Protein backbone atom coordinates (compact mmCIF):
# COMPACT_ATOMS: atom_id res chain seq x y z
CA ALA A 1 108.31 83.87 232.46
CA ARG A 2 106.66 80.69 233.54
CA LEU A 3 108.66 77.53 233.49
CA GLY A 4 107.85 74.92 230.89
CA ALA A 5 106.75 71.47 231.90
CA ARG A 6 110.01 69.87 230.85
CA HIS A 7 113.01 70.14 233.11
CA GLY A 8 116.08 68.15 233.83
CA PRO A 9 116.99 66.38 237.07
CA ALA A 10 115.94 68.28 240.14
CA GLY A 11 118.68 70.14 241.98
CA LYS A 12 118.83 71.18 245.60
CA LYS A 13 115.52 72.79 246.47
CA PRO A 14 115.47 76.18 248.22
CA PRO A 15 115.95 75.49 251.94
CA ALA A 16 112.68 76.36 253.64
CA GLU A 17 114.42 77.04 256.92
CA LYS A 18 116.83 79.74 255.68
CA GLY A 19 116.15 83.47 255.50
CA ASP A 20 114.70 84.65 252.22
CA ALA A 21 113.98 81.08 251.12
CA GLU A 22 111.18 80.83 253.70
CA GLN A 23 107.77 80.83 252.04
CA PRO A 24 105.17 82.88 253.96
CA THR A 25 101.58 83.08 252.85
CA ALA A 26 101.03 85.00 249.63
CA GLU A 27 98.93 87.61 251.41
CA HIS A 28 101.59 88.27 254.05
CA TRP A 29 104.35 88.33 251.45
CA ALA A 30 102.58 90.82 249.18
CA GLY A 31 101.21 93.03 251.93
CA ALA A 32 104.04 93.11 254.46
CA LEU A 33 107.31 91.66 253.14
CA LEU A 34 107.45 92.82 249.51
CA PRO A 35 107.01 96.57 250.17
CA GLY A 36 109.79 96.50 252.75
CA LEU A 37 112.10 94.61 250.40
CA LEU A 38 111.48 97.02 247.55
CA ARG A 39 112.05 100.11 249.68
CA SER A 40 115.58 98.87 250.43
CA TYR A 41 116.60 98.97 246.75
CA ALA A 42 116.52 101.44 243.87
CA PRO A 43 114.63 100.29 240.74
CA ALA A 44 117.97 99.70 238.97
CA GLU A 45 118.88 97.25 241.75
CA ILE A 46 115.67 95.18 241.59
CA PHE A 47 115.92 92.27 239.14
CA SER A 48 113.52 89.55 238.11
CA CYS A 49 114.40 86.43 236.14
CA GLY A 50 112.54 83.56 234.57
CA GLU A 51 112.33 81.24 231.60
CA THR A 52 110.43 81.16 228.34
CA ALA A 53 110.70 78.91 225.28
CA VAL A 54 111.05 79.35 221.52
CA LEU A 55 111.26 76.85 218.66
CA LEU A 56 114.34 76.54 216.50
CA PRO A 57 113.59 76.38 212.75
CA ALA A 58 114.72 73.33 210.82
CA GLY A 59 118.46 73.43 210.28
CA GLY A 60 120.06 72.84 206.95
CA PRO A 61 122.19 69.77 206.25
CA GLY A 62 125.28 69.61 208.37
CA LYS A 63 124.26 72.40 210.72
CA GLY A 64 123.92 70.10 213.70
CA GLU A 65 120.34 70.95 214.70
CA SER A 66 117.02 69.22 214.22
CA ALA A 67 113.68 70.62 213.17
CA GLY A 68 111.48 71.77 215.99
CA GLU A 69 114.21 71.83 218.65
CA ARG A 70 113.01 73.78 221.66
CA LEU A 71 115.23 76.41 223.20
CA THR A 72 114.67 77.54 226.76
CA LEU A 73 115.67 81.16 227.31
CA LEU A 74 116.69 82.49 230.70
CA LEU A 75 115.81 86.19 230.82
CA CYS A 76 116.72 88.70 233.50
CA ALA A 77 116.22 92.48 233.66
CA ASN A 78 115.94 95.22 236.27
CA ALA A 79 112.91 97.30 237.23
CA SER A 80 114.16 100.50 235.59
CA GLY A 81 114.75 98.74 232.26
CA SER A 82 118.31 100.06 232.27
CA GLU A 83 119.96 96.62 232.39
CA LYS A 84 119.09 93.48 230.48
CA VAL A 85 121.35 90.58 231.37
CA PRO A 86 122.62 88.80 228.22
CA LEU A 87 120.20 85.97 227.53
CA ARG A 88 121.14 82.35 228.12
CA ALA A 89 119.75 79.69 225.79
CA VAL A 90 119.47 76.03 226.76
CA GLY A 91 119.01 73.51 223.95
CA ASP A 92 119.16 69.82 223.12
CA SER A 93 122.43 69.75 221.17
CA PRO A 94 125.46 69.20 223.43
CA ARG A 95 128.03 70.28 220.81
CA PRO A 96 126.35 72.08 217.88
CA ARG A 97 128.60 72.05 214.84
CA CYS A 98 127.65 75.61 213.95
CA LEU A 99 129.26 76.85 217.19
CA ARG A 100 132.66 75.36 216.42
CA GLY A 101 135.34 78.02 216.16
CA VAL A 102 133.13 80.65 217.81
CA ASN A 103 134.67 82.60 220.68
CA LEU A 104 131.73 81.83 222.98
CA GLU A 105 133.07 83.91 225.86
CA GLN A 106 132.68 87.10 223.82
CA MET A 107 129.20 86.54 222.41
CA PRO A 108 126.24 88.74 223.44
CA TRP A 109 124.43 85.48 224.37
CA SER A 110 125.40 82.16 225.91
CA TYR A 111 124.37 78.60 225.11
CA ARG A 112 124.27 75.49 227.27
CA ALA A 113 123.09 71.95 226.59
CA GLY A 114 120.29 70.80 228.87
CA SER A 115 117.82 67.96 229.14
CA LEU A 116 114.90 68.18 226.71
CA ALA A 117 115.71 71.89 226.30
CA GLY A 118 114.93 72.45 229.97
CA LEU A 119 116.89 74.42 232.54
CA THR A 120 118.38 72.23 235.27
CA ALA A 121 119.40 73.20 238.79
CA PRO A 122 123.16 72.95 238.02
CA LEU A 123 122.77 75.16 234.94
CA PHE A 124 120.79 77.74 236.90
CA ALA A 125 123.33 77.69 239.74
CA GLU A 126 126.08 78.33 237.19
CA TRP A 127 124.14 81.31 235.84
CA LEU A 128 123.50 82.64 239.36
CA ARG A 129 127.20 82.62 240.18
CA GLU A 130 128.03 84.41 236.94
CA PHE A 131 125.30 86.99 237.60
CA ASN A 132 126.63 87.52 241.13
CA GLU A 133 130.15 88.00 239.78
CA ALA A 134 128.90 90.56 237.25
CA MET A 135 127.18 92.51 240.03
CA ARG A 136 130.31 92.29 242.18
CA ARG A 137 132.41 93.76 239.37
CA GLN A 138 129.92 96.62 239.07
CA GLY A 139 130.03 97.21 242.83
CA LYS A 140 126.28 96.59 243.13
CA SER A 141 124.22 94.66 245.67
CA VAL A 142 120.90 93.70 244.11
CA LEU A 143 117.61 91.99 244.81
CA LEU A 144 116.64 89.06 242.58
CA LEU A 145 112.96 88.05 242.55
CA LEU A 146 112.16 84.66 241.06
CA ALA A 147 109.69 81.79 241.18
CA LYS A 148 110.33 78.88 243.51
CA HIS A 149 111.03 75.77 241.47
CA GLU A 150 113.13 72.63 241.71
CA ALA A 151 115.35 74.01 238.94
CA HIS A 152 115.96 77.19 241.01
CA PRO A 153 118.38 76.31 243.81
CA TYR A 154 118.89 78.75 246.66
CA LEU A 155 122.45 80.06 246.95
CA GLN A 156 124.05 82.37 249.49
CA LEU A 157 125.66 85.02 247.27
CA SER A 158 127.79 88.03 248.07
CA ASN A 159 126.04 90.60 245.88
CA VAL A 160 122.68 89.05 245.00
CA ARG A 161 119.86 88.58 247.49
CA MET A 162 117.53 85.88 246.21
CA VAL A 163 113.85 86.13 247.16
CA PHE A 164 111.36 83.53 246.01
CA VAL A 165 107.91 84.73 245.01
CA PRO A 166 105.11 82.66 246.62
CA PRO A 167 103.36 80.33 244.14
CA ALA A 168 100.05 82.23 244.34
CA THR A 169 101.72 85.30 242.81
CA ALA A 170 103.98 83.50 240.35
CA LEU A 171 101.82 84.45 237.36
CA ALA A 172 102.11 88.13 238.23
CA GLN A 173 105.84 88.39 237.57
CA PRO A 174 107.13 91.06 235.15
CA LEU A 175 108.31 88.67 232.43
CA ASP A 176 104.75 87.38 232.08
CA ARG A 177 103.31 90.88 231.87
CA GLY A 178 104.58 91.44 228.35
CA ILE A 179 108.39 91.29 228.38
CA ALA A 180 108.74 87.69 227.16
CA GLY A 181 105.93 88.17 224.64
CA ASP A 182 107.56 91.29 223.22
CA LEU A 183 110.88 89.49 222.79
CA LYS A 184 109.12 86.64 220.96
CA GLY A 185 107.38 89.09 218.67
CA HIS A 186 110.68 90.73 217.70
CA TYR A 187 112.21 87.28 217.21
CA ARG A 188 109.36 86.19 214.90
CA ARG A 189 109.74 89.35 212.84
CA ARG A 190 113.43 88.69 212.39
CA LEU A 191 112.71 85.10 211.35
CA LEU A 192 110.15 86.27 208.79
CA ARG A 193 112.53 88.74 207.21
CA TRP A 194 115.24 86.12 206.75
CA LEU A 195 116.11 86.15 203.05
CA PRO A 196 117.23 82.64 202.05
CA ALA A 197 117.20 83.47 198.33
CA GLU A 198 119.56 86.40 198.74
CA ARG A 199 121.64 84.90 201.54
CA GLY A 200 121.97 81.53 199.83
CA ALA A 201 122.02 79.92 203.26
CA GLY A 202 118.73 78.07 203.50
CA GLN A 203 117.06 77.98 206.91
CA PRO A 204 118.82 79.79 209.78
CA SER A 205 121.12 77.69 211.93
CA LEU A 206 121.20 77.64 215.72
CA LEU A 207 123.99 80.23 215.55
CA ASP A 208 121.83 82.49 213.37
CA VAL A 209 118.91 82.07 215.77
CA LEU A 210 121.04 82.93 218.81
CA HIS A 211 122.08 86.17 217.14
CA MET A 212 118.46 86.92 216.22
CA LEU A 213 117.39 86.29 219.81
CA ALA A 214 120.12 88.60 221.11
CA GLN A 215 118.90 91.28 218.69
CA ALA A 216 115.29 90.70 219.74
CA TRP A 217 116.26 91.03 223.43
CA GLY A 218 117.95 94.30 222.58
CA ASP A 219 114.77 95.44 220.79
CA VAL A 220 112.69 95.18 223.98
CA HIS A 221 112.22 98.80 225.06
CA PRO A 222 113.35 99.84 228.57
CA GLY A 223 110.06 101.69 229.04
CA LEU A 224 108.10 98.52 228.39
CA ILE A 225 110.20 96.61 230.94
CA ALA A 226 109.66 99.32 233.57
CA SER A 227 105.92 99.26 232.90
CA CYS A 228 105.77 95.48 233.34
CA PHE A 229 107.57 95.74 236.67
CA ARG A 230 105.12 98.42 237.80
CA ALA A 231 102.16 96.33 236.66
CA ALA A 232 103.47 93.40 238.71
CA GLY A 233 103.98 95.60 241.79
CA PHE A 234 107.73 94.96 241.71
CA THR A 235 108.85 98.59 242.06
CA PRO A 236 109.20 100.67 245.25
CA ASP A 237 106.48 103.14 244.21
CA ALA A 238 103.97 100.43 243.27
CA SER A 239 101.16 99.49 245.61
CA ALA A 240 101.30 96.04 247.18
CA GLU A 241 97.78 95.50 245.90
CA ALA A 242 99.20 95.37 242.36
CA VAL A 243 100.36 91.81 243.09
CA SER A 244 97.56 89.38 242.30
CA LEU A 245 96.89 86.76 244.97
CA THR A 246 94.15 84.82 243.21
CA SER A 247 94.64 85.11 239.50
CA ALA A 248 97.09 87.30 237.66
CA PRO A 249 95.64 90.10 235.54
CA GLY A 250 96.22 89.91 231.82
CA LEU A 251 99.12 91.37 229.93
CA LEU A 252 99.49 95.09 229.57
CA SER A 253 97.02 96.52 227.10
CA ARG A 254 98.23 97.39 223.63
CA GLU A 255 97.76 101.09 224.44
CA GLN A 256 100.03 100.72 227.47
CA LEU A 257 102.66 98.88 225.47
CA GLU A 258 102.60 101.50 222.73
CA ARG A 259 102.90 104.28 225.30
CA ASP A 260 105.86 102.76 227.11
CA GLY A 261 107.75 101.02 224.31
CA ASP A 262 107.67 99.80 220.78
CA PRO A 263 106.19 96.32 221.09
CA ALA A 264 106.52 93.69 218.43
CA GLY A 265 103.28 92.63 216.79
CA ALA A 266 101.86 89.46 218.25
CA ASP A 267 101.62 87.78 214.89
CA GLY A 268 104.77 89.26 213.36
CA ASP A 269 102.99 90.09 210.10
CA GLU A 270 104.69 93.46 209.81
CA GLY A 271 108.04 91.77 209.22
CA MET A 272 106.80 89.99 206.09
CA ALA A 273 107.02 93.19 204.05
CA GLU A 274 110.70 93.65 204.77
CA GLY A 275 113.02 92.52 202.00
CA GLU A 276 110.24 91.86 199.44
CA ASP A 277 111.88 94.05 196.81
CA ALA A 278 115.45 93.03 197.64
CA GLY A 279 115.98 91.01 194.48
CA GLU A 280 114.55 93.66 192.16
CA LEU A 281 117.37 96.16 192.47
CA ALA A 282 119.52 96.26 189.39
CA ALA A 283 123.04 94.97 189.99
CA VAL A 284 124.82 97.76 188.18
CA PRO A 285 128.60 97.70 188.64
CA PRO A 286 130.28 98.80 190.81
CA CYS A 287 127.25 98.52 193.12
CA PRO A 288 127.25 95.05 194.76
CA SER A 289 124.23 92.78 194.57
CA GLU A 290 122.05 91.96 197.54
CA ARG A 291 123.57 88.50 197.76
CA GLU A 292 127.08 89.94 197.75
CA VAL A 293 126.12 92.31 200.55
CA TRP A 294 124.70 89.48 202.67
CA ARG A 295 127.75 87.34 202.00
CA SER A 296 129.97 90.23 203.08
CA LEU A 297 127.94 90.67 206.26
CA ALA A 298 128.14 86.93 206.91
CA THR A 299 131.91 87.08 206.51
CA LEU A 300 132.13 90.05 208.87
CA ARG A 301 129.96 88.33 211.45
CA ARG A 302 132.06 85.17 211.26
CA TYR A 303 135.20 87.23 211.78
CA LEU A 304 133.68 88.81 214.89
CA GLU A 305 132.51 85.40 216.15
CA CYS A 306 136.07 84.12 215.96
CA GLN A 307 138.05 87.24 216.89
CA ALA A 308 135.79 89.54 218.94
CA THR A 309 137.28 90.84 222.19
CA SER A 310 133.99 92.14 223.60
CA PRO A 311 130.28 91.29 223.21
CA ASP A 312 129.68 95.03 222.70
CA LEU A 313 131.15 94.78 219.19
CA PHE A 314 128.07 92.86 218.12
CA GLN A 315 125.76 95.75 218.94
CA ALA A 316 127.44 97.78 216.21
CA PHE A 317 127.18 94.81 213.83
CA TYR A 318 123.49 94.31 214.62
CA GLU A 319 122.82 97.98 213.90
CA LEU A 320 124.63 97.66 210.57
CA GLU A 321 122.63 94.58 209.68
CA ASP A 322 119.37 96.35 210.55
CA ALA A 323 120.40 99.28 208.36
CA VAL A 324 120.96 96.91 205.43
CA HIS A 325 117.51 95.40 206.04
CA MET A 326 115.98 98.86 205.93
CA VAL A 327 117.70 99.61 202.63
CA SER A 328 116.60 96.24 201.24
CA ALA A 329 113.01 96.89 202.24
CA GLY A 330 113.05 100.19 200.39
């Protein structure tokens, strides 16, 4: 997705004199270089990354966050939709109290403190090295397409070939074709179905939001991701003409999104109906009340946050939580 206007101190800019960091004209890149690059990789080996932003709701007393804090999300996925890299969130708070005691290495998301919630070159370089290591462990050599920006340093990596998209085609990248918007729609729906009365927790904390964002990223359908890559011309079978050189075409149509995935509604209104009847169920012993169920889930999640040995454990927890939401919604 497009970068926001706010970023931290500029890092080392991509060296214009080195290999893939060279910036040819947009026409030459789209017509001659891109097709050759794509033919060298399978769709599962073609990745695109970028940033988008979301707002953090007001935190309750003592949660360590402020109202309206902006989180920058670094998103990365491959052209087949088969792999979504765990999202990285960058926020204002250097040491959020709600993250104390959490085994951060085993979360299905990661959090870093930035400058004005913007991604900096050192933070992006750290992510690049981690992404390269993950590909090395999988025995994969991949192509990474990304926008040229001062916060995107060029690194020589063993298993990731970085290629910068010329500025004239930056708006045509897959994340802007509907992927980032779909994630935000799922996130808004999960915010709207938050049940403060039953949970007794007030507004969601940064930790709650990070889990909701990880769930929303998981909700983005692989078919939708593959369609956005095809629409951007970032797949081997796509025509080079699919890349816009003057102005990027709009997002995928709603019919296309519905055919290729299950998009979240743009306004998130559908999520408002969930949980409306949660407090009306009779608390007949030995059946627990809604509040007791949410407290039990909160206890289970906290246990996993402190003791989990793999981020994969949270997928099972998220599915359980969604099942409880479905029961609550009737």
